[in-house]
Amino acid sequence: MVMPGSGFNSSSGFGAGLVGGVEFDEKDASSVSRVAGVEYTVPLYMSTVKAEAGGNETTAYLFGVNEDYFNLMNEEAEFGELFTKSDVSSKAKVAVIGSKVAEELYGDDENAIGKTVRFEGMRIKVIGVVANTGDSQHDTSIVIPYKTTFGSVNPDKTFWAIYVGVSSKEDIESVKEEIKSVLSKRYSEDDFSITEQTEILSMINQIFDILNIVLVAIGSISLVVGGIGIMNIMYATVTERTKEIGVMRAIGATERDILLQFLTESLILSVFGGLLGLIGASLTVLVVRIFFPASISLFAVIITFAISSGIGIFFGVFPARRAARLSPIEAIRYE
């Protein structure tokens, strides 16, 4: 991705360089397309628009691109067809829309084909609907030929970015260097950046790693607090059942029997807490997956019960040992 400013480079922070920098034009896209090893070159104009059709309205992402966009993004039409190179050249007023836009404006994906969508004073014919990808940006998109945006929507005829598809991953580095060399003839190297997907994924992984550390820290505090709560409950239980413990010892129960009994009670208490937490997490996932793909794995369930059991045993052993070491005579006389 050839982007303005420092783009997604880690030195500037995620997205920090998207303000400022150059605005690309058709000449830049043409220069990039002639670089050896480049298979697809997609100039990208992007904005947010209020789309209307049949009395319905929705907010959508407007993408102005060429015909290579669909190959680059590996998108296919679920209904209808994609626009072609001739549509781009002739500034055809046609659009390929995301499934969510189709549902909100027309009620059904297939029903959108041949209908008109209005935005920014333009009337565009829907010729295709792409399948739901799970990506909210693509599912709520209206994709039109980039030359169709020239005018009221994109009067400066500029692009937010240029997407580049390389024929072989071995060529990525050499293509990046060549594109940098080509664009440096018009712009300063500080005015643009060239980023590949692995760099963006690396930054996203770093963000998730930080979030995981924070969540583990919060979870650890919660576990300690919960463990202390279990320990206090069991200490209170031991105090309330002191006389019962004395009677059990008097009729032959050993220290080991008492220890196991109270450890078992502590374990059941913590496992039940883990089960409630798992039910709460499952309900949360059911709500979240409406907006974002989410699931609970079997591994997470096993870990949940393992940790809750461990907490119950660890914090339950102290009151259990106290109960096991009570003197039978003193326990029976306890009031």
C-alpha atoms as a PDB file:
ATOM      1  CA  MET A   1       0.000   0.000   0.000  1.00  0.00           C
ATOM      2  CA  VAL A   2       1.429   3.344  -1.076  1.00  0.00           C
ATOM      3  CA  MET A   3       0.102   5.897   1.394  1.00  0.00           C
ATOM      4  CA  PRO A   4       0.554   9.589   2.207  1.00  0.00           C
ATOM      5  CA  GLY A   5       2.814  10.665   5.052  1.00  0.00           C
ATOM      6  CA  SER A   6       4.383   7.924   7.141  1.00  0.00           C
ATOM      7  CA  GLY A   7       1.327   5.673   6.757  1.00  0.00           C
ATOM      8  CA  PHE A   8       1.241   2.746   9.152  1.00  0.00           C
ATOM      9  CA  ASN A   9       4.945   2.780   9.950  1.00  0.00           C
ATOM     10  CA  SER A  10       5.655   1.779  13.529  1.00  0.00           C
ATOM     11  CA  SER A  11       7.818   4.866  14.090  1.00  0.00           C
ATOM     12  CA  SER A  12       4.789   7.125  13.772  1.00  0.00           C
ATOM     13  CA  GLY A  13       2.250   4.950  15.500  1.00  0.00           C
ATOM     14  CA  PHE A  14      -0.772   3.275  13.961  1.00  0.00           C
ATOM     15  CA  GLY A  15      -2.342   5.729  11.528  1.00  0.00           C
ATOM     16  CA  ALA A  16      -0.434   8.734  12.838  1.00  0.00           C
ATOM     17  CA  GLY A  17       1.072   9.513   9.441  1.00  0.00           C
ATOM     18  CA  LEU A  18      -2.182   9.545   7.507  1.00  0.00           C
ATOM     19  CA  VAL A  19      -2.598  13.271   8.143  1.00  0.00           C
ATOM     20  CA  GLY A  20      -0.630  15.350   5.664  1.00  0.00           C
ATOM     21  CA  GLY A  21       1.688  14.067   3.001  1.00  0.00           C
ATOM     22  CA  VAL A  22       0.959  14.002  -0.716  1.00  0.00           C
ATOM     23  CA  GLU A  23      -2.227  13.392  -2.655  1.00  0.00           C
ATOM     24  CA  PHE A  24      -1.663  10.901  -5.433  1.00  0.00           C
ATOM     25  CA  ASP A  25      -3.031  11.288  -8.954  1.00  0.00           C
ATOM     26  CA  GLU A  26      -3.394   9.227 -12.123  1.00  0.00           C
ATOM     27  CA  LYS A  27       0.186   9.950 -13.136  1.00  0.00           C
ATOM     28  CA  ASP A  28       1.440   8.326  -9.929  1.00  0.00           C
ATOM     29  CA  ALA A  29      -0.761   5.266 -10.440  1.00  0.00           C
ATOM     30  CA  SER A  30       0.481   4.942 -14.015  1.00  0.00           C
ATOM     31  CA  SER A  31       4.120   5.194 -12.909  1.00  0.00           C
ATOM     32  CA  VAL A  32       3.616   2.515 -10.243  1.00  0.00           C
ATOM     33  CA  SER A  33       1.880   0.173 -12.700  1.00  0.00           C
ATOM     34  CA  ARG A  34       4.980   0.165 -14.948  1.00  0.00           C
ATOM     35  CA  VAL A  35       7.275  -1.142 -12.196  1.00  0.00           C
ATOM     36  CA  ALA A  36       8.555  -4.658 -12.917  1.00  0.00           C
ATOM     37  CA  GLY A  37       6.833  -7.306 -10.776  1.00  0.00           C
ATOM     38  CA  VAL A  38       3.624  -5.311 -10.266  1.00  0.00           C
ATOM     39  CA  GLU A  39       0.560  -7.348 -11.242  1.00  0.00           C
ATOM     40  CA  TYR A  40      -2.233  -5.049 -10.074  1.00  0.00           C
ATOM     41  CA  THR A  41      -2.296  -1.294  -9.464  1.00  0.00           C
ATOM     42  CA  VAL A  42      -5.407   0.116  -7.804  1.00  0.00           C
ATOM     43  CA  PRO A  43      -5.741   3.875  -7.211  1.00  0.00           C
ATOM     44  CA  LEU A  44      -8.093   4.336  -4.256  1.00  0.00           C
ATOM     45  CA  TYR A  45     -10.388   7.246  -3.511  1.00  0.00           C
ATOM     46  CA  MET A  46     -12.287   6.782  -0.247  1.00  0.00           C
ATOM     47  CA  SER A  47     -14.886   8.775   1.672  1.00  0.00           C
ATOM     48  CA  THR A  48     -17.965   8.264   3.821  1.00  0.00           C
ATOM     49  CA  VAL A  49     -21.353   9.008   2.278  1.00  0.00           C
ATOM     50  CA  LYS A  50     -25.040   8.954   3.145  1.00  0.00           C
ATOM     51  CA  ALA A  51     -26.620   6.564   0.659  1.00  0.00           C
ATOM     52  CA  GLU A  52     -30.350   6.599  -0.124  1.00  0.00           C
ATOM     53  CA  ALA A  53     -32.643   4.259  -2.036  1.00  0.00           C
ATOM     54  CA  GLY A  54     -36.381   3.636  -1.909  1.00  0.00           C
ATOM     55  CA  GLY A  55     -36.864   5.828   1.137  1.00  0.00           C
ATOM     56  CA  ASN A  56     -34.151   3.997   3.086  1.00  0.00           C
ATOM     57  CA  GLU A  57     -30.878   5.559   4.156  1.00  0.00           C
ATOM     58  CA  THR A  58     -27.546   4.212   5.425  1.00  0.00           C
ATOM     59  CA  THR A  59     -23.967   5.356   5.954  1.00  0.00           C
ATOM     60  CA  ALA A  60     -21.493   3.677   3.618  1.00  0.00           C
ATOM     61  CA  TYR A  61     -17.851   3.790   2.592  1.00  0.00           C
ATOM     62  CA  LEU A  62     -17.436   5.048  -0.966  1.00  0.00           C
ATOM     63  CA  PHE A  63     -14.525   3.448  -2.807  1.00  0.00           C
ATOM     64  CA  GLY A  64     -13.417   4.845  -6.151  1.00  0.00           C
ATOM     65  CA  VAL A  65     -11.178   2.187  -7.737  1.00  0.00           C
ATOM     66  CA  ASN A  66     -10.417   0.432 -11.013  1.00  0.00           C
ATOM     67  CA  GLU A  67     -11.370  -3.068 -12.178  1.00  0.00           C
ATOM     68  CA  ASP A  68      -8.245  -4.640 -10.593  1.00  0.00           C
ATOM     69  CA  TYR A  69      -9.588  -3.895  -7.114  1.00  0.00           C
ATOM     70  CA  PHE A  70     -11.727  -7.034  -7.069  1.00  0.00           C
ATOM     71  CA  ASN A  71      -8.831  -9.294  -8.072  1.00  0.00           C
ATOM     72  CA  LEU A  72      -6.537  -7.642  -5.552  1.00  0.00           C
ATOM     73  CA  MET A  73      -9.071  -8.029  -2.714  1.00  0.00           C
ATOM     74  CA  ASN A  74     -10.109 -11.494  -3.921  1.00  0.00           C
ATOM     75  CA  GLU A  75     -13.756 -10.427  -4.109  1.00  0.00           C
ATOM     76  CA  GLU A  76     -16.444 -11.983  -6.286  1.00  0.00           C
ATOM     77  CA  ALA A  77     -19.993 -10.949  -7.059  1.00  0.00           C
ATOM     78  CA  GLU A  78     -22.564 -12.971  -5.119  1.00  0.00           C
ATOM     79  CA  PHE A  79     -25.282 -11.482  -7.314  1.00  0.00           C
ATOM     80  CA  GLY A  80     -24.947  -9.522 -10.543  1.00  0.00           C
ATOM     81  CA  GLU A  81     -21.511  -8.672 -11.915  1.00  0.00           C
ATOM     82  CA  LEU A  82     -18.406  -6.567 -11.306  1.00  0.00           C
ATOM     83  CA  PHE A  83     -17.599  -3.485 -13.343  1.00  0.00           C
ATOM     84  CA  THR A  84     -14.943  -3.713 -16.064  1.00  0.00           C
ATOM     85  CA  LYS A  85     -12.084  -1.682 -17.522  1.00  0.00           C
ATOM     86  CA  SER A  86     -14.441  -0.132 -20.100  1.00  0.00           C
ATOM     87  CA  ASP A  87     -16.740   0.997 -17.258  1.00  0.00           C
ATOM     88  CA  VAL A  88     -13.786   2.782 -15.658  1.00  0.00           C
ATOM     89  CA  SER A  89     -12.721   4.417 -18.939  1.00  0.00           C
ATOM     90  CA  SER A  90     -16.250   5.580 -19.795  1.00  0.00           C
ATOM     91  CA  LYS A  91     -16.941   6.906 -16.282  1.00  0.00           C
ATOM     92  CA  ALA A  92     -19.936   4.579 -16.088  1.00  0.00           C
ATOM     93  CA  LYS A  93     -22.360   5.290 -13.262  1.00  0.00           C
ATOM     94  CA  VAL A  94     -22.375   1.737 -11.935  1.00  0.00           C
ATOM     95  CA  ALA A  95     -21.649   0.337  -8.488  1.00  0.00           C
ATOM     96  CA  VAL A  96     -20.850  -2.900  -6.724  1.00  0.00           C
ATOM     97  CA  ILE A  97     -22.096  -2.747  -3.141  1.00  0.00           C
ATOM     98  CA  GLY A  98     -21.504  -4.675   0.066  1.00  0.00           C
ATOM     99  CA  SER A  99     -24.089  -7.075   1.432  1.00  0.00           C
ATOM    100  CA  LYS A 100     -24.983  -4.894   4.442  1.00  0.00           C
ATOM    101  CA  VAL A 101     -25.659  -1.887   2.219  1.00  0.00           C
ATOM    102  CA  ALA A 102     -27.869  -4.078   0.016  1.00  0.00           C
ATOM    103  CA  GLU A 103     -29.842  -5.365   3.019  1.00  0.00           C
ATOM    104  CA  GLU A 104     -30.325  -1.936   4.590  1.00  0.00           C
ATOM    105  CA  LEU A 105     -31.328  -0.174   1.380  1.00  0.00           C
ATOM    106  CA  TYR A 106     -33.170  -2.918  -0.520  1.00  0.00           C
ATOM    107  CA  GLY A 107     -33.959  -5.545   2.110  1.00  0.00           C
ATOM    108  CA  ASP A 108     -32.250  -8.321   0.155  1.00  0.00           C
ATOM    109  CA  ASP A 109     -28.930  -8.783  -1.687  1.00  0.00           C
ATOM    110  CA  GLU A 110     -30.455 -10.087  -4.910  1.00  0.00           C
ATOM    111  CA  ASN A 111     -33.173  -7.445  -4.880  1.00  0.00           C
ATOM    112  CA  ALA A 112     -30.512  -4.700  -5.161  1.00  0.00           C
ATOM    113  CA  ILE A 113     -29.445  -5.639  -8.695  1.00  0.00           C
ATOM    114  CA  GLY A 114     -30.572  -3.061 -11.258  1.00  0.00           C
ATOM    115  CA  LYS A 115     -31.757  -0.602  -8.618  1.00  0.00           C
ATOM    116  CA  THR A 116     -30.481   2.958  -8.167  1.00  0.00           C
ATOM    117  CA  VAL A 117     -28.544   4.278  -5.176  1.00  0.00           C
ATOM    118  CA  ARG A 118     -28.167   8.022  -4.529  1.00  0.00           C
ATOM    119  CA  PHE A 119     -25.380   9.864  -2.725  1.00  0.00           C
ATOM    120  CA  GLU A 120     -23.588  13.217  -3.023  1.00  0.00           C
ATOM    121  CA  GLY A 121     -26.010  14.310  -5.754  1.00  0.00           C
ATOM    122  CA  MET A 122     -25.213  11.255  -7.907  1.00  0.00           C
ATOM    123  CA  ARG A 123     -27.515   8.464  -9.089  1.00  0.00           C
ATOM    124  CA  ILE A 124     -25.672   5.175  -9.558  1.00  0.00           C
ATOM    125  CA  LYS A 125     -26.991   1.859 -10.873  1.00  0.00           C
ATOM    126  CA  VAL A 126     -26.210  -1.220  -8.745  1.00  0.00           C
ATOM    127  CA  ILE A 127     -24.836  -3.965 -10.999  1.00  0.00           C
ATOM    128  CA  GLY A 128     -23.372  -6.303  -8.356  1.00  0.00           C
ATOM    129  CA  VAL A 129     -23.386  -7.309  -4.704  1.00  0.00           C
ATOM    130  CA  VAL A 130     -20.322  -8.943  -3.105  1.00  0.00           C
ATOM    131  CA  ALA A 131     -20.711 -11.688  -0.512  1.00  0.00           C
ATOM    132  CA  ASN A 132     -20.515 -10.907   3.194  1.00  0.00           C
ATOM    133  CA  THR A 133     -16.830 -10.932   4.234  1.00  0.00           C
ATOM    134  CA  GLY A 134     -17.141 -10.156   7.948  1.00  0.00           C
ATOM    135  CA  ASP A 135     -15.161  -6.951   7.355  1.00  0.00           C
ATOM    136  CA  SER A 136     -17.511  -4.092   8.249  1.00  0.00           C
ATOM    137  CA  GLN A 137     -15.704  -1.668   5.935  1.00  0.00           C
ATOM    138  CA  HIS A 138     -16.135  -3.883   2.879  1.00  0.00           C
ATOM    139  CA  ASP A 139     -19.630  -5.074   3.801  1.00  0.00           C
ATOM    140  CA  THR A 140     -20.821  -1.460   4.088  1.00  0.00           C
ATOM    141  CA  SER A 141     -19.039  -0.257   0.930  1.00  0.00           C
ATOM    142  CA  ILE A 142     -20.170   1.221  -2.368  1.00  0.00           C
ATOM    143  CA  VAL A 143     -17.498   0.555  -4.976  1.00  0.00           C
ATOM    144  CA  ILE A 144     -17.575   2.600  -8.187  1.00  0.00           C
ATOM    145  CA  PRO A 145     -15.087   3.309 -11.023  1.00  0.00           C
ATOM    146  CA  TYR A 146     -12.601   5.900  -9.793  1.00  0.00           C
ATOM    147  CA  LYS A 147     -13.140   8.115 -12.852  1.00  0.00           C
ATOM    148  CA  THR A 148     -16.829   8.312 -11.946  1.00  0.00           C
ATOM    149  CA  THR A 149     -15.815  10.110  -8.731  1.00  0.00           C
ATOM    150  CA  PHE A 150     -14.152  12.891 -10.748  1.00  0.00           C
ATOM    151  CA  GLY A 151     -16.426  15.893 -10.411  1.00  0.00           C
ATOM    152  CA  SER A 152     -18.577  16.779  -7.420  1.00  0.00           C
ATOM    153  CA  VAL A 153     -17.297  13.894  -5.281  1.00  0.00           C
ATOM    154  CA  ASN A 154     -13.595  14.110  -6.107  1.00  0.00           C
ATOM    155  CA  PRO A 155     -13.032  17.420  -7.935  1.00  0.00           C
ATOM    156  CA  ASP A 156      -9.250  17.362  -7.403  1.00  0.00           C
ATOM    157  CA  LYS A 157      -8.966  13.919  -9.053  1.00  0.00           C
ATOM    158  CA  THR A 158      -6.695  12.684  -6.287  1.00  0.00           C
ATOM    159  CA  PHE A 159      -6.387   9.386  -4.429  1.00  0.00           C
ATOM    160  CA  TRP A 160      -6.086   8.516  -0.763  1.00  0.00           C
ATOM    161  CA  ALA A 161      -3.734   5.608  -1.529  1.00  0.00           C
ATOM    162  CA  ILE A 162      -2.484   3.297  -4.251  1.00  0.00           C
ATOM    163  CA  TYR A 163      -2.837  -0.439  -3.631  1.00  0.00           C
ATOM    164  CA  VAL A 164      -0.311  -2.661  -5.372  1.00  0.00           C
ATOM    165  CA  GLY A 165      -0.518  -6.390  -6.055  1.00  0.00           C
ATOM    166  CA  VAL A 166       2.805  -8.162  -6.598  1.00  0.00           C
ATOM    167  CA  SER A 167       2.981 -11.343  -8.650  1.00  0.00           C
ATOM    168  CA  SER A 168       5.381 -13.106  -6.237  1.00  0.00           C
ATOM    169  CA  LYS A 169       6.116 -12.553  -2.550  1.00  0.00           C
ATOM    170  CA  GLU A 170       9.824 -12.868  -3.338  1.00  0.00           C
ATOM    171  CA  ASP A 171       9.511  -9.654  -5.366  1.00  0.00           C
ATOM    172  CA  ILE A 172       7.910  -7.553  -2.630  1.00  0.00           C
ATOM    173  CA  GLU A 173      11.087  -5.913  -1.349  1.00  0.00           C
ATOM    174  CA  SER A 174      12.464  -5.133  -4.811  1.00  0.00           C
ATOM    175  CA  VAL A 175       9.076  -3.741  -5.926  1.00  0.00           C
ATOM    176  CA  LYS A 176       8.885  -1.554  -2.824  1.00  0.00           C
ATOM    177  CA  GLU A 177      12.320  -0.109  -3.529  1.00  0.00           C
ATOM    178  CA  GLU A 178      11.497   0.505  -7.188  1.00  0.00           C
ATOM    179  CA  ILE A 179       8.190   2.238  -6.337  1.00  0.00           C
ATOM    180  CA  LYS A 180      10.011   4.383  -3.813  1.00  0.00           C
ATOM    181  CA  SER A 181      12.547   5.338  -6.481  1.00  0.00           C
ATOM    182  CA  VAL A 182       9.814   6.185  -9.006  1.00  0.00           C
ATOM    183  CA  LEU A 183       7.753   8.340  -6.621  1.00  0.00           C
ATOM    184  CA  SER A 184      10.836  10.074  -5.216  1.00  0.00           C
ATOM    185  CA  LYS A 185      11.198  11.805  -8.581  1.00  0.00           C
ATOM    186  CA  ARG A 186       8.034  13.806  -7.785  1.00  0.00           C
ATOM    187  CA  TYR A 187       7.897  13.811  -3.984  1.00  0.00           C
ATOM    188  CA  SER A 188      10.136  13.821  -0.961  1.00  0.00           C
ATOM    189  CA  GLU A 189      10.509  10.415   0.706  1.00  0.00           C
ATOM    190  CA  ASP A 190       8.892  11.902   3.826  1.00  0.00           C
ATOM    191  CA  ASP A 191       5.718  12.647   1.859  1.00  0.00           C
ATOM    192  CA  PHE A 192       4.748   9.024   1.303  1.00  0.00           C
ATOM    193  CA  SER A 193       5.306   5.529   2.625  1.00  0.00           C
ATOM    194  CA  ILE A 194       5.090   2.024   1.221  1.00  0.00           C
ATOM    195  CA  THR A 195       3.685  -0.564   3.596  1.00  0.00           C
ATOM    196  CA  GLU A 196       3.055  -4.270   3.134  1.00  0.00           C
ATOM    197  CA  GLN A 197       0.391  -6.307   4.921  1.00  0.00           C
ATOM    198  CA  THR A 198       2.869  -8.146   7.151  1.00  0.00           C
ATOM    199  CA  GLU A 199       3.937  -4.822   8.694  1.00  0.00           C
ATOM    200  CA  ILE A 200       0.342  -3.900   9.481  1.00  0.00           C
ATOM    201  CA  LEU A 201      -0.311  -7.354  10.928  1.00  0.00           C
ATOM    202  CA  SER A 202       2.828  -7.012  13.053  1.00  0.00           C
ATOM    203  CA  MET A 203       1.585  -3.703  14.480  1.00  0.00           C
ATOM    204  CA  ILE A 204      -1.872  -5.136  15.154  1.00  0.00           C
ATOM    205  CA  ASN A 205      -0.268  -8.109  16.916  1.00  0.00           C
ATOM    206  CA  GLN A 206       1.756  -5.714  19.086  1.00  0.00           C
ATOM    207  CA  ILE A 207      -1.437  -3.902  20.071  1.00  0.00           C
ATOM    208  CA  PHE A 208      -3.142  -7.207  20.922  1.00  0.00           C
ATOM    209  CA  ASP A 209      -0.086  -8.316  22.914  1.00  0.00           C
ATOM    210  CA  ILE A 210      -0.342  -5.153  25.033  1.00  0.00           C
ATOM    211  CA  LEU A 211      -4.086  -5.691  25.489  1.00  0.00           C
ATOM    212  CA  ASN A 212      -3.446  -9.305  26.510  1.00  0.00           C
ATOM    213  CA  ILE A 213      -0.912  -8.206  29.129  1.00  0.00           C
ATOM    214  CA  VAL A 214      -3.392  -5.682  30.541  1.00  0.00           C
ATOM    215  CA  LEU A 215      -6.201  -8.267  30.564  1.00  0.00           C
ATOM    216  CA  VAL A 216      -3.972 -10.871  32.232  1.00  0.00           C
ATOM    217  CA  ALA A 217      -3.030  -8.313  34.898  1.00  0.00           C
ATOM    218  CA  ILE A 218      -6.704  -7.450  35.539  1.00  0.00           C
ATOM    219  CA  GLY A 219      -7.625 -11.152  35.533  1.00  0.00           C
ATOM    220  CA  SER A 220      -4.825 -11.967  37.993  1.00  0.00           C
ATOM    221  CA  ILE A 221      -6.044  -9.304  40.425  1.00  0.00           C
ATOM    222  CA  SER A 222      -9.579 -10.659  40.093  1.00  0.00           C
ATOM    223  CA  LEU A 223      -8.384 -14.201  40.786  1.00  0.00           C
ATOM    224  CA  VAL A 224      -6.487 -13.140  43.919  1.00  0.00           C
ATOM    225  CA  VAL A 225      -9.485 -11.175  45.203  1.00  0.00           C
ATOM    226  CA  GLY A 226     -11.775 -14.110  44.430  1.00  0.00           C
ATOM    227  CA  GLY A 227      -9.383 -16.535  46.116  1.00  0.00           C
ATOM    228  CA  ILE A 228      -9.247 -14.399  49.250  1.00  0.00           C
ATOM    229  CA  GLY A 229     -13.041 -14.306  49.233  1.00  0.00           C
ATOM    230  CA  ILE A 230     -13.196 -18.107  49.075  1.00  0.00           C
ATOM    231  CA  MET A 231     -10.656 -18.381  51.893  1.00  0.00           C
ATOM    232  CA  ASN A 232     -12.659 -16.025  54.118  1.00  0.00           C
ATOM    233  CA  ILE A 233     -15.890 -17.930  53.422  1.00  0.00           C
ATOM    234  CA  MET A 234     -14.221 -21.223  54.289  1.00  0.00           C
ATOM    235  CA  TYR A 235     -12.711 -19.788  57.493  1.00  0.00           C
ATOM    236  CA  ALA A 236     -16.200 -18.640  58.514  1.00  0.00           C
ATOM    237  CA  THR A 237     -17.562 -22.089  57.622  1.00  0.00           C
ATOM    238  CA  VAL A 238     -14.909 -23.796  59.757  1.00  0.00           C
ATOM    239  CA  THR A 239     -15.776 -21.535  62.716  1.00  0.00           C
ATOM    240  CA  GLU A 240     -19.522 -22.202  62.362  1.00  0.00           C
ATOM    241  CA  ARG A 241     -18.989 -25.980  62.105  1.00  0.00           C
ATOM    242  CA  THR A 242     -16.368 -26.368  64.829  1.00  0.00           C
ATOM    243  CA  LYS A 243     -18.631 -28.547  66.962  1.00  0.00           C
ATOM    244  CA  GLU A 244     -19.533 -30.694  63.935  1.00  0.00           C
ATOM    245  CA  ILE A 245     -15.824 -31.214  63.248  1.00  0.00           C
ATOM    246  CA  GLY A 246     -15.305 -32.296  66.876  1.00  0.00           C
ATOM    247  CA  VAL A 247     -18.095 -34.869  66.591  1.00  0.00           C
ATOM    248  CA  MET A 248     -16.654 -36.217  63.335  1.00  0.00           C
ATOM    249  CA  ARG A 249     -13.229 -36.571  64.902  1.00  0.00           C
ATOM    250  CA  ALA A 250     -14.748 -38.254  67.974  1.00  0.00           C
ATOM    251  CA  ILE A 251     -16.388 -40.988  65.885  1.00  0.00           C
ATOM    252  CA  GLY A 252     -13.204 -41.760  63.945  1.00  0.00           C
ATOM    253  CA  ALA A 253     -12.624 -39.177  61.213  1.00  0.00           C
ATOM    254  CA  THR A 254      -8.922 -38.505  60.658  1.00  0.00           C
ATOM    255  CA  GLU A 255      -7.233 -35.169  59.996  1.00  0.00           C
ATOM    256  CA  ARG A 256      -6.896 -36.262  56.364  1.00  0.00           C
ATOM    257  CA  ASP A 257     -10.675 -36.881  56.130  1.00  0.00           C
ATOM    258  CA  ILE A 258     -11.464 -33.398  57.476  1.00  0.00           C
ATOM    259  CA  LEU A 259      -8.859 -31.806  55.212  1.00  0.00           C
ATOM    260  CA  LEU A 260     -10.283 -33.500  52.100  1.00  0.00           C
ATOM    261  CA  GLN A 261     -13.850 -32.589  53.035  1.00  0.00           C
ATOM    262  CA  PHE A 262     -13.167 -28.866  53.322  1.00  0.00           C
ATOM    263  CA  LEU A 263     -10.873 -28.851  50.284  1.00  0.00           C
ATOM    264  CA  THR A 264     -13.665 -30.494  48.279  1.00  0.00           C
ATOM    265  CA  GLU A 265     -16.145 -27.853  49.422  1.00  0.00           C
ATOM    266  CA  SER A 266     -13.699 -25.092  48.470  1.00  0.00           C
ATOM    267  CA  LEU A 267     -13.118 -26.744  45.079  1.00  0.00           C
ATOM    268  CA  ILE A 268     -16.859 -27.007  44.368  1.00  0.00           C
ATOM    269  CA  LEU A 269     -17.312 -23.355  45.323  1.00  0.00           C
ATOM    270  CA  SER A 270     -14.569 -22.166  42.949  1.00  0.00           C
ATOM    271  CA  VAL A 271     -15.614 -24.448  40.064  1.00  0.00           C
ATOM    272  CA  PHE A 272     -19.184 -23.183  40.388  1.00  0.00           C
ATOM    273  CA  GLY A 273     -17.803 -19.629  40.195  1.00  0.00           C
ATOM    274  CA  GLY A 274     -15.832 -20.592  37.080  1.00  0.00           C
ATOM    275  CA  LEU A 275     -18.987 -22.040  35.522  1.00  0.00           C
ATOM    276  CA  LEU A 276     -20.910 -18.812  36.170  1.00  0.00           C
ATOM    277  CA  GLY A 277     -18.034 -16.843  34.616  1.00  0.00           C
ATOM    278  CA  LEU A 278     -18.084 -19.132  31.569  1.00  0.00           C
ATOM    279  CA  ILE A 279     -21.838 -18.658  31.136  1.00  0.00           C
ATOM    280  CA  GLY A 280     -21.381 -14.889  31.388  1.00  0.00           C
ATOM    281  CA  ALA A 281     -18.573 -14.989  28.804  1.00  0.00           C
ATOM    282  CA  SER A 282     -20.692 -17.099  26.442  1.00  0.00           C
ATOM    283  CA  LEU A 283     -23.584 -14.650  26.631  1.00  0.00           C
ATOM    284  CA  THR A 284     -21.164 -11.770  25.984  1.00  0.00           C
ATOM    285  CA  VAL A 285     -19.735 -13.553  22.930  1.00  0.00           C
ATOM    286  CA  LEU A 286     -23.260 -14.079  21.533  1.00  0.00           C
ATOM    287  CA  VAL A 287     -23.805 -10.314  21.689  1.00  0.00           C
ATOM    288  CA  VAL A 288     -20.329  -9.345  20.421  1.00  0.00           C
ATOM    289  CA  ARG A 289     -20.418 -11.684  17.416  1.00  0.00           C
ATOM    290  CA  ILE A 290     -23.326  -9.670  16.009  1.00  0.00           C
ATOM    291  CA  PHE A 291     -20.802  -6.881  15.379  1.00  0.00           C
ATOM    292  CA  PHE A 292     -17.447  -8.718  15.344  1.00  0.00           C
ATOM    293  CA  PRO A 293     -16.374 -12.353  14.793  1.00  0.00           C
ATOM    294  CA  ALA A 294     -15.865 -13.941  18.234  1.00  0.00           C
ATOM    295  CA  SER A 295     -15.960 -17.408  19.755  1.00  0.00           C
ATOM    296  CA  ILE A 296     -14.990 -19.416  22.835  1.00  0.00           C
ATOM    297  CA  SER A 297     -12.578 -22.283  22.210  1.00  0.00           C
ATOM    298  CA  LEU A 298     -12.523 -25.641  23.999  1.00  0.00           C
ATOM    299  CA  PHE A 299      -9.002 -24.789  25.187  1.00  0.00           C
ATOM    300  CA  ALA A 300     -10.342 -21.646  26.892  1.00  0.00           C
ATOM    301  CA  VAL A 301     -13.033 -23.702  28.654  1.00  0.00           C
ATOM    302  CA  ILE A 302     -10.459 -26.221  29.916  1.00  0.00           C
ATOM    303  CA  ILE A 303      -8.157 -23.437  31.121  1.00  0.00           C
ATOM    304  CA  THR A 304     -11.104 -21.745  32.875  1.00  0.00           C
ATOM    305  CA  PHE A 305     -11.930 -24.806  34.943  1.00  0.00           C
ATOM    306  CA  ALA A 306      -8.265 -25.618  35.576  1.00  0.00           C
ATOM    307  CA  ILE A 307      -7.551 -22.142  36.953  1.00  0.00           C
ATOM    308  CA  SER A 308     -10.764 -21.941  39.003  1.00  0.00           C
ATOM    309  CA  SER A 309     -10.025 -25.388  40.480  1.00  0.00           C
ATOM    310  CA  GLY A 310      -6.458 -24.369  41.269  1.00  0.00           C
ATOM    311  CA  ILE A 311      -7.644 -21.189  43.002  1.00  0.00           C
ATOM    312  CA  GLY A 312     -10.124 -23.180  45.075  1.00  0.00           C
ATOM    313  CA  ILE A 313      -7.501 -25.693  46.187  1.00  0.00           C
ATOM    314  CA  PHE A 314      -4.776 -23.106  46.869  1.00  0.00           C
ATOM    315  CA  PHE A 315      -6.907 -20.728  48.922  1.00  0.00           C
ATOM    316  CA  GLY A 316      -8.992 -23.489  50.461  1.00  0.00           C
ATOM    317  CA  VAL A 317      -6.075 -25.424  51.927  1.00  0.00           C
ATOM    318  CA  PHE A 318      -5.483 -22.899  54.735  1.00  0.00           C
ATOM    319  CA  PRO A 319      -8.955 -23.073  56.349  1.00  0.00           C
ATOM    320  CA  ALA A 320      -9.041 -26.830  55.627  1.00  0.00           C
ATOM    321  CA  ARG A 321      -5.791 -27.349  57.545  1.00  0.00           C
ATOM    322  CA  ARG A 322      -7.153 -25.285  60.429  1.00  0.00           C
ATOM    323  CA  ALA A 323     -10.259 -27.471  60.541  1.00  0.00           C
ATOM    324  CA  ALA A 324      -8.211 -30.687  60.352  1.00  0.00           C
ATOM    325  CA  ARG A 325      -5.935 -29.649  63.252  1.00  0.00           C
ATOM    326  CA  LEU A 326      -8.703 -28.763  65.681  1.00  0.00           C
ATOM    327  CA  SER A 327      -8.549 -30.691  68.931  1.00  0.00           C
ATOM    328  CA  PRO A 328     -11.570 -33.056  69.066  1.00  0.00           C
ATOM    329  CA  ILE A 329     -12.283 -32.321  72.739  1.00  0.00           C
ATOM    330  CA  GLU A 330     -12.010 -28.539  72.353  1.00  0.00           C
ATOM    331  CA  ALA A 331     -14.110 -28.643  69.158  1.00  0.00           C
ATOM    332  CA  ILE A 332     -16.947 -30.598  70.816  1.00  0.00           C
ATOM    333  CA  ARG A 333     -17.010 -28.112  73.716  1.00  0.00           C
ATOM    334  CA  TYR A 334     -17.045 -25.102  71.356  1.00  0.00           C
ATOM    335  CA  GLU A 335     -20.203 -22.979  71.524  1.00  0.00           C
END
